[in-house]
Amino acid sequence: MLVMSDSALLRLRERLDITREDVVRRSHISVATVRNAEKGAKITRRSALQILHAVNSYLRESNQPEVALDDLEFVL
């Protein structure tokens, strides 16, 4: 039986109490791309950086330390 753990992005979104659509609005990429990133599918480096910038903007707003691209564990 295959057990999948939550992605780093999903855990971070839950911690920040933001939706996938919130990330989409700030990153200017599609819902499908964010969903794929959360599922561990390969995404482009550009999309990964856009998601990173969006997530870090939420972290800054909540006075939390920013994360690095490697922290999000994307498949590039």
PDB file of N, CA and C in Angstrom:
ATOM      1  N   MET A   1       0.846  -1.183   0.000  1.00  0.00           N
ATOM      2  CA  MET A   1       0.000   0.000   0.000  1.00  0.00           C
ATOM      3  C   MET A   1       0.890   1.245   0.000  1.00  0.00           C
ATOM      4  N   LEU A   2       0.631   2.152  -0.939  1.00  0.00           N
ATOM      5  CA  LEU A   2       1.415   3.374  -1.063  1.00  0.00           C
ATOM      6  C   LEU A   2       0.783   4.460  -0.200  1.00  0.00           C
ATOM      7  N   VAL A   3       1.568   5.039   0.697  1.00  0.00           N
ATOM      8  CA  VAL A   3       1.087   6.129   1.548  1.00  0.00           C
ATOM      9  C   VAL A   3       1.843   7.382   1.149  1.00  0.00           C
ATOM     10  N   MET A   4       1.103   8.382   0.712  1.00  0.00           N
ATOM     11  CA  MET A   4       1.734   9.623   0.288  1.00  0.00           C
ATOM     12  C   MET A   4       1.673  10.633   1.434  1.00  0.00           C
ATOM     13  N   SER A   5       2.783  11.278   1.697  1.00  0.00           N
ATOM     14  CA  SER A   5       2.788  12.311   2.721  1.00  0.00           C
ATOM     15  C   SER A   5       2.450  13.645   2.063  1.00  0.00           C
ATOM     16  N   ASP A   6       1.971  14.553   2.876  1.00  0.00           N
ATOM     17  CA  ASP A   6       1.650  15.879   2.362  1.00  0.00           C
ATOM     18  C   ASP A   6       2.923  16.569   1.876  1.00  0.00           C
ATOM     19  N   SER A   7       2.787  17.335   0.821  1.00  0.00           N
ATOM     20  CA  SER A   7       3.937  18.052   0.282  1.00  0.00           C
ATOM     21  C   SER A   7       4.317  19.206   1.207  1.00  0.00           C
ATOM     22  N   ALA A   8       5.552  19.651   1.066  1.00  0.00           N
ATOM     23  CA  ALA A   8       6.029  20.788   1.845  1.00  0.00           C
ATOM     24  C   ALA A   8       5.176  22.022   1.562  1.00  0.00           C
ATOM     25  N   LEU A   9       4.782  22.201   0.312  1.00  0.00           N
ATOM     26  CA  LEU A   9       3.948  23.347  -0.046  1.00  0.00           C
ATOM     27  C   LEU A   9       2.587  23.251   0.628  1.00  0.00           C
ATOM     28  N   LEU A  10       1.979  22.092   0.610  1.00  0.00           N
ATOM     29  CA  LEU A  10       0.672  21.918   1.245  1.00  0.00           C
ATOM     30  C   LEU A  10       0.772  22.149   2.748  1.00  0.00           C
ATOM     31  N   ARG A  11       1.787  21.608   3.381  1.00  0.00           N
ATOM     32  CA  ARG A  11       1.962  21.820   4.829  1.00  0.00           C
ATOM     33  C   ARG A  11       2.129  23.304   5.136  1.00  0.00           C
ATOM     34  N   LEU A  12       2.889  23.996   4.303  1.00  0.00           N
ATOM     35  CA  LEU A  12       3.107  25.429   4.506  1.00  0.00           C
ATOM     36  C   LEU A  12       1.821  26.215   4.290  1.00  0.00           C
ATOM     37  N   ARG A  13       1.070  25.857   3.258  1.00  0.00           N
ATOM     38  CA  ARG A  13      -0.216  26.526   3.019  1.00  0.00           C
ATOM     39  C   ARG A  13      -1.143  26.345   4.211  1.00  0.00           C
ATOM     40  N   GLU A  14      -1.191  25.136   4.736  1.00  0.00           N
ATOM     41  CA  GLU A  14      -2.055  24.867   5.887  1.00  0.00           C
ATOM     42  C   GLU A  14      -1.602  25.654   7.111  1.00  0.00           C
ATOM     43  N   ARG A  15      -0.292  25.716   7.314  1.00  0.00           N
ATOM     44  CA  ARG A  15       0.244  26.481   8.452  1.00  0.00           C
ATOM     45  C   ARG A  15      -0.107  27.967   8.336  1.00  0.00           C
ATOM     46  N   LEU A  16      -0.061  28.491   7.111  1.00  0.00           N
ATOM     47  CA  LEU A  16      -0.374  29.907   6.886  1.00  0.00           C
ATOM     48  C   LEU A  16      -1.869  30.167   6.731  1.00  0.00           C
ATOM     49  N   ASP A  17      -2.653  29.093   6.658  1.00  0.00           N
ATOM     50  CA  ASP A  17      -4.099  29.183   6.454  1.00  0.00           C
ATOM     51  C   ASP A  17      -4.426  29.933   5.158  1.00  0.00           C
ATOM     52  N   ILE A  18      -3.746  29.533   4.084  1.00  0.00           N
ATOM     53  CA  ILE A  18      -4.026  30.103   2.769  1.00  0.00           C
ATOM     54  C   ILE A  18      -4.450  28.982   1.832  1.00  0.00           C
ATOM     55  N   THR A  19      -5.241  29.337   0.847  1.00  0.00           N
ATOM     56  CA  THR A  19      -5.750  28.355  -0.102  1.00  0.00           C
ATOM     57  C   THR A  19      -4.825  28.238  -1.311  1.00  0.00           C
ATOM     58  N   ARG A  20      -5.066  27.222  -2.082  1.00  0.00           N
ATOM     59  CA  ARG A  20      -4.347  27.058  -3.345  1.00  0.00           C
ATOM     60  C   ARG A  20      -4.611  28.274  -4.230  1.00  0.00           C
ATOM     61  N   GLU A  21      -5.839  28.767  -4.216  1.00  0.00           N
ATOM     62  CA  GLU A  21      -6.200  29.930  -5.034  1.00  0.00           C
ATOM     63  C   GLU A  21      -5.461  31.185  -4.579  1.00  0.00           C
ATOM     64  N   ASP A  22      -5.196  31.309  -3.271  1.00  0.00           N
ATOM     65  CA  ASP A  22      -4.398  32.442  -2.781  1.00  0.00           C
ATOM     66  C   ASP A  22      -3.012  32.420  -3.410  1.00  0.00           C
ATOM     67  N   VAL A  23      -2.414  31.247  -3.460  1.00  0.00           N
ATOM     68  CA  VAL A  23      -1.085  31.100  -4.073  1.00  0.00           C
ATOM     69  C   VAL A  23      -1.158  31.423  -5.566  1.00  0.00           C
ATOM     70  N   VAL A  24      -2.200  30.956  -6.217  1.00  0.00           N
ATOM     71  CA  VAL A  24      -2.386  31.221  -7.649  1.00  0.00           C
ATOM     72  C   VAL A  24      -2.466  32.722  -7.912  1.00  0.00           C
ATOM     73  N   ARG A  25      -3.244  33.430  -7.117  1.00  0.00           N
ATOM     74  CA  ARG A  25      -3.390  34.876  -7.315  1.00  0.00           C
ATOM     75  C   ARG A  25      -2.057  35.607  -7.210  1.00  0.00           C
ATOM     76  N   ARG A  26      -1.241  35.230  -6.259  1.00  0.00           N
ATOM     77  CA  ARG A  26       0.033  35.928  -6.069  1.00  0.00           C
ATOM     78  C   ARG A  26       1.127  35.447  -7.003  1.00  0.00           C
ATOM     79  N   SER A  27       1.026  34.221  -7.463  1.00  0.00           N
ATOM     80  CA  SER A  27       2.094  33.681  -8.302  1.00  0.00           C
ATOM     81  C   SER A  27       1.814  33.855  -9.793  1.00  0.00           C
ATOM     82  N   HIS A  28       0.541  34.125 -10.138  1.00  0.00           N
ATOM     83  CA  HIS A  28       0.147  34.309 -11.539  1.00  0.00           C
ATOM     84  C   HIS A  28       0.406  33.061 -12.377  1.00  0.00           C
ATOM     85  N   ILE A  29       0.177  31.901 -11.779  1.00  0.00           N
ATOM     86  CA  ILE A  29       0.249  30.648 -12.513  1.00  0.00           C
ATOM     87  C   ILE A  29      -1.069  29.914 -12.309  1.00  0.00           C
ATOM     88  N   SER A  30      -1.255  28.823 -13.000  1.00  0.00           N
ATOM     89  CA  SER A  30      -2.543  28.134 -12.971  1.00  0.00           C
ATOM     90  C   SER A  30      -2.726  27.294 -11.709  1.00  0.00           C
ATOM     91  N   VAL A  31      -3.978  27.055 -11.391  1.00  0.00           N
ATOM     92  CA  VAL A  31      -4.323  26.170 -10.282  1.00  0.00           C
ATOM     93  C   VAL A  31      -3.723  24.785 -10.535  1.00  0.00           C
ATOM     94  N   ALA A  32      -3.775  24.340 -11.772  1.00  0.00           N
ATOM     95  CA  ALA A  32      -3.236  23.021 -12.118  1.00  0.00           C
ATOM     96  C   ALA A  32      -1.740  22.932 -11.808  1.00  0.00           C
ATOM     97  N   THR A  33      -1.008  23.988 -12.060  1.00  0.00           N
ATOM     98  CA  THR A  33       0.432  23.970 -11.786  1.00  0.00           C
ATOM     99  C   THR A  33       0.690  23.870 -10.292  1.00  0.00           C
ATOM    100  N   VAL A  34      -0.054  24.625  -9.497  1.00  0.00           N
ATOM    101  CA  VAL A  34       0.119  24.550  -8.042  1.00  0.00           C
ATOM    102  C   VAL A  34      -0.277  23.158  -7.543  1.00  0.00           C
ATOM    103  N   ARG A  35      -1.372  22.636  -8.062  1.00  0.00           N
ATOM    104  CA  ARG A  35      -1.815  21.286  -7.680  1.00  0.00           C
ATOM    105  C   ARG A  35      -0.741  20.259  -8.040  1.00  0.00           C
ATOM    106  N   ASN A  36      -0.187  20.370  -9.248  1.00  0.00           N
ATOM    107  CA  ASN A  36       0.868  19.451  -9.669  1.00  0.00           C
ATOM    108  C   ASN A  36       2.092  19.552  -8.761  1.00  0.00           C
ATOM    109  N   ALA A  37       2.451  20.765  -8.394  1.00  0.00           N
ATOM    110  CA  ALA A  37       3.594  20.954  -7.495  1.00  0.00           C
ATOM    111  C   ALA A  37       3.332  20.265  -6.161  1.00  0.00           C
ATOM    112  N   GLU A  38       2.110  20.373  -5.665  1.00  0.00           N
ATOM    113  CA  GLU A  38       1.759  19.744  -4.393  1.00  0.00           C
ATOM    114  C   GLU A  38       1.740  18.219  -4.497  1.00  0.00           C
ATOM    115  N   LYS A  39       1.456  17.703  -5.673  1.00  0.00           N
ATOM    116  CA  LYS A  39       1.411  16.255  -5.869  1.00  0.00           C
ATOM    117  C   LYS A  39       2.787  15.664  -6.145  1.00  0.00           C
ATOM    118  N   GLY A  40       3.786  16.522  -6.323  1.00  0.00           N
ATOM    119  CA  GLY A  40       5.126  16.029  -6.605  1.00  0.00           C
ATOM    120  C   GLY A  40       5.424  15.835  -8.073  1.00  0.00           C
ATOM    121  N   ALA A  41       4.551  16.356  -8.934  1.00  0.00           N
ATOM    122  CA  ALA A  41       4.804  16.287 -10.373  1.00  0.00           C
ATOM    123  C   ALA A  41       5.857  17.327 -10.753  1.00  0.00           C
ATOM    124  N   LYS A  42       6.502  17.091 -11.863  1.00  0.00           N
ATOM    125  CA  LYS A  42       7.537  18.004 -12.331  1.00  0.00           C
ATOM    126  C   LYS A  42       6.913  19.326 -12.768  1.00  0.00           C
ATOM    127  N   ILE A  43       7.529  20.429 -12.319  1.00  0.00           N
ATOM    128  CA  ILE A  43       7.108  21.766 -12.747  1.00  0.00           C
ATOM    129  C   ILE A  43       8.355  22.514 -13.220  1.00  0.00           C
ATOM    130  N   THR A  44       8.136  23.599 -13.928  1.00  0.00           N
ATOM    131  CA  THR A  44       9.277  24.378 -14.418  1.00  0.00           C
ATOM    132  C   THR A  44       9.903  25.169 -13.276  1.00  0.00           C
ATOM    133  N   ARG A  45      11.159  25.489 -13.453  1.00  0.00           N
ATOM    134  CA  ARG A  45      11.850  26.307 -12.451  1.00  0.00           C
ATOM    135  C   ARG A  45      11.160  27.659 -12.311  1.00  0.00           C
ATOM    136  N   ARG A  46      10.720  28.208 -13.423  1.00  0.00           N
ATOM    137  CA  ARG A  46      10.033  29.503 -13.376  1.00  0.00           C
ATOM    138  C   ARG A  46       8.767  29.420 -12.513  1.00  0.00           C
ATOM    139  N   SER A  47       7.970  28.373 -12.699  1.00  0.00           N
ATOM    140  CA  SER A  47       6.766  28.201 -11.876  1.00  0.00           C
ATOM    141  C   SER A  47       7.125  28.022 -10.412  1.00  0.00           C
ATOM    142  N   ALA A  48       8.175  27.249 -10.158  1.00  0.00           N
ATOM    143  CA  ALA A  48       8.614  27.033  -8.778  1.00  0.00           C
ATOM    144  C   ALA A  48       9.015  28.352  -8.123  1.00  0.00           C
ATOM    145  N   LEU A  49       9.727  29.190  -8.862  1.00  0.00           N
ATOM    146  CA  LEU A  49      10.138  30.483  -8.318  1.00  0.00           C
ATOM    147  C   LEU A  49       8.939  31.397  -8.084  1.00  0.00           C
ATOM    148  N   GLN A  50       7.959  31.339  -8.963  1.00  0.00           N
ATOM    149  CA  GLN A  50       6.767  32.157  -8.781  1.00  0.00           C
ATOM    150  C   GLN A  50       5.995  31.715  -7.534  1.00  0.00           C
ATOM    151  N   ILE A  51       5.894  30.417  -7.328  1.00  0.00           N
ATOM    152  CA  ILE A  51       5.236  29.910  -6.119  1.00  0.00           C
ATOM    153  C   ILE A  51       6.045  30.331  -4.889  1.00  0.00           C
ATOM    154  N   LEU A  52       7.352  30.185  -4.959  1.00  0.00           N
ATOM    155  CA  LEU A  52       8.217  30.578  -3.853  1.00  0.00           C
ATOM    156  C   LEU A  52       8.009  32.041  -3.476  1.00  0.00           C
ATOM    157  N   HIS A  53       7.986  32.919  -4.449  1.00  0.00           N
ATOM    158  CA  HIS A  53       7.797  34.345  -4.173  1.00  0.00           C
ATOM    159  C   HIS A  53       6.425  34.601  -3.553  1.00  0.00           C
ATOM    160  N   ALA A  54       5.411  33.912  -4.030  1.00  0.00           N
ATOM    161  CA  ALA A  54       4.069  34.077  -3.478  1.00  0.00           C
ATOM    162  C   ALA A  54       4.021  33.630  -2.018  1.00  0.00           C
ATOM    163  N   VAL A  55       4.557  32.456  -1.749  1.00  0.00           N
ATOM    164  CA  VAL A  55       4.551  31.920  -0.388  1.00  0.00           C
ATOM    165  C   VAL A  55       5.361  32.821   0.541  1.00  0.00           C
ATOM    166  N   ASN A  56       6.509  33.271   0.083  1.00  0.00           N
ATOM    167  CA  ASN A  56       7.325  34.140   0.920  1.00  0.00           C
ATOM    168  C   ASN A  56       6.643  35.469   1.205  1.00  0.00           C
ATOM    169  N   SER A  57       5.826  35.951   0.301  1.00  0.00           N
ATOM    170  CA  SER A  57       5.100  37.197   0.579  1.00  0.00           C
ATOM    171  C   SER A  57       4.113  36.989   1.727  1.00  0.00           C
ATOM    172  N   TYR A  58       3.468  35.818   1.779  1.00  0.00           N
ATOM    173  CA  TYR A  58       2.583  35.508   2.900  1.00  0.00           C
ATOM    174  C   TYR A  58       3.370  35.346   4.197  1.00  0.00           C
ATOM    175  N   LEU A  59       4.532  34.727   4.115  1.00  0.00           N
ATOM    176  CA  LEU A  59       5.362  34.568   5.310  1.00  0.00           C
ATOM    177  C   LEU A  59       5.810  35.924   5.847  1.00  0.00           C
ATOM    178  N   ARG A  60       6.220  36.824   4.954  1.00  0.00           N
ATOM    179  CA  ARG A  60       6.620  38.169   5.396  1.00  0.00           C
ATOM    180  C   ARG A  60       5.460  38.880   6.074  1.00  0.00           C
ATOM    181  N   GLU A  61       4.262  38.767   5.506  1.00  0.00           N
ATOM    182  CA  GLU A  61       3.086  39.416   6.092  1.00  0.00           C
ATOM    183  C   GLU A  61       2.781  38.910   7.497  1.00  0.00           C
ATOM    184  N   SER A  62       3.117  37.669   7.753  1.00  0.00           N
ATOM    185  CA  SER A  62       2.843  37.104   9.076  1.00  0.00           C
ATOM    186  C   SER A  62       4.106  37.084   9.955  1.00  0.00           C
ATOM    187  N   ASN A  63       5.106  37.870   9.538  1.00  0.00           N
ATOM    188  CA  ASN A  63       6.353  38.017  10.301  1.00  0.00           C
ATOM    189  C   ASN A  63       7.026  36.684  10.604  1.00  0.00           C
ATOM    190  N   GLN A  64       7.043  35.814   9.612  1.00  0.00           N
ATOM    191  CA  GLN A  64       7.715  34.529   9.738  1.00  0.00           C
ATOM    192  C   GLN A  64       8.895  34.500   8.780  1.00  0.00           C
ATOM    193  N   PRO A  65       9.901  33.689   9.086  1.00  0.00           N
ATOM    194  CA  PRO A  65      11.055  33.616   8.189  1.00  0.00           C
ATOM    195  C   PRO A  65      10.685  33.031   6.827  1.00  0.00           C
ATOM    196  N   GLU A  66      11.317  33.550   5.803  1.00  0.00           N
ATOM    197  CA  GLU A  66      11.081  33.064   4.442  1.00  0.00           C
ATOM    198  C   GLU A  66      11.691  31.679   4.261  1.00  0.00           C
ATOM    199  N   VAL A  67      11.221  30.988   3.239  1.00  0.00           N
ATOM    200  CA  VAL A  67      11.755  29.670   2.904  1.00  0.00           C
ATOM    201  C   VAL A  67      12.561  29.768   1.613  1.00  0.00           C
ATOM    202  N   ALA A  68      13.409  28.781   1.392  1.00  0.00           N
ATOM    203  CA  ALA A  68      14.198  28.688   0.167  1.00  0.00           C
ATOM    204  C   ALA A  68      13.520  27.707  -0.777  1.00  0.00           C
ATOM    205  N   LEU A  69      13.909  27.761  -2.024  1.00  0.00           N
ATOM    206  CA  LEU A  69      13.331  26.879  -3.023  1.00  0.00           C
ATOM    207  C   LEU A  69      13.476  25.406  -2.621  1.00  0.00           C
ATOM    208  N   ASP A  70      14.618  25.029  -2.106  1.00  0.00           N
ATOM    209  CA  ASP A  70      14.838  23.641  -1.694  1.00  0.00           C
ATOM    210  C   ASP A  70      13.881  23.212  -0.581  1.00  0.00           C
ATOM    211  N   ASP A  71      13.472  24.154   0.257  1.00  0.00           N
ATOM    212  CA  ASP A  71      12.550  23.823   1.355  1.00  0.00           C
ATOM    213  C   ASP A  71      11.206  23.323   0.843  1.00  0.00           C
ATOM    214  N   LEU A  72      10.829  23.745  -0.354  1.00  0.00           N
ATOM    215  CA  LEU A  72       9.524  23.361  -0.902  1.00  0.00           C
ATOM    216  C   LEU A  72       9.544  22.005  -1.600  1.00  0.00           C
ATOM    217  N   GLU A  73      10.733  21.447  -1.789  1.00  0.00           N
ATOM    218  CA  GLU A  73      10.895  20.073  -2.298  1.00  0.00           C
ATOM    219  C   GLU A  73      10.228  19.833  -3.646  1.00  0.00           C
ATOM    220  N   PHE A  74      10.271  20.840  -4.522  1.00  0.00           N
ATOM    221  CA  PHE A  74       9.679  20.691  -5.844  1.00  0.00           C
ATOM    222  C   PHE A  74      10.484  19.743  -6.704  1.00  0.00           C
ATOM    223  N   VAL A  75       9.816  19.102  -7.648  1.00  0.00           N
ATOM    224  CA  VAL A  75      10.482  18.307  -8.672  1.00  0.00           C
ATOM    225  C   VAL A  75      10.603  19.199  -9.894  1.00  0.00           C
ATOM    226  N   LEU A  76      11.835  19.551 -10.222  1.00  0.00           N
ATOM    227  CA  LEU A  76      12.071  20.477 -11.345  1.00  0.00           C
ATOM    228  C   LEU A  76      12.614  19.742 -12.550  1.00  0.00           C
TER     229      LEU A  76
END
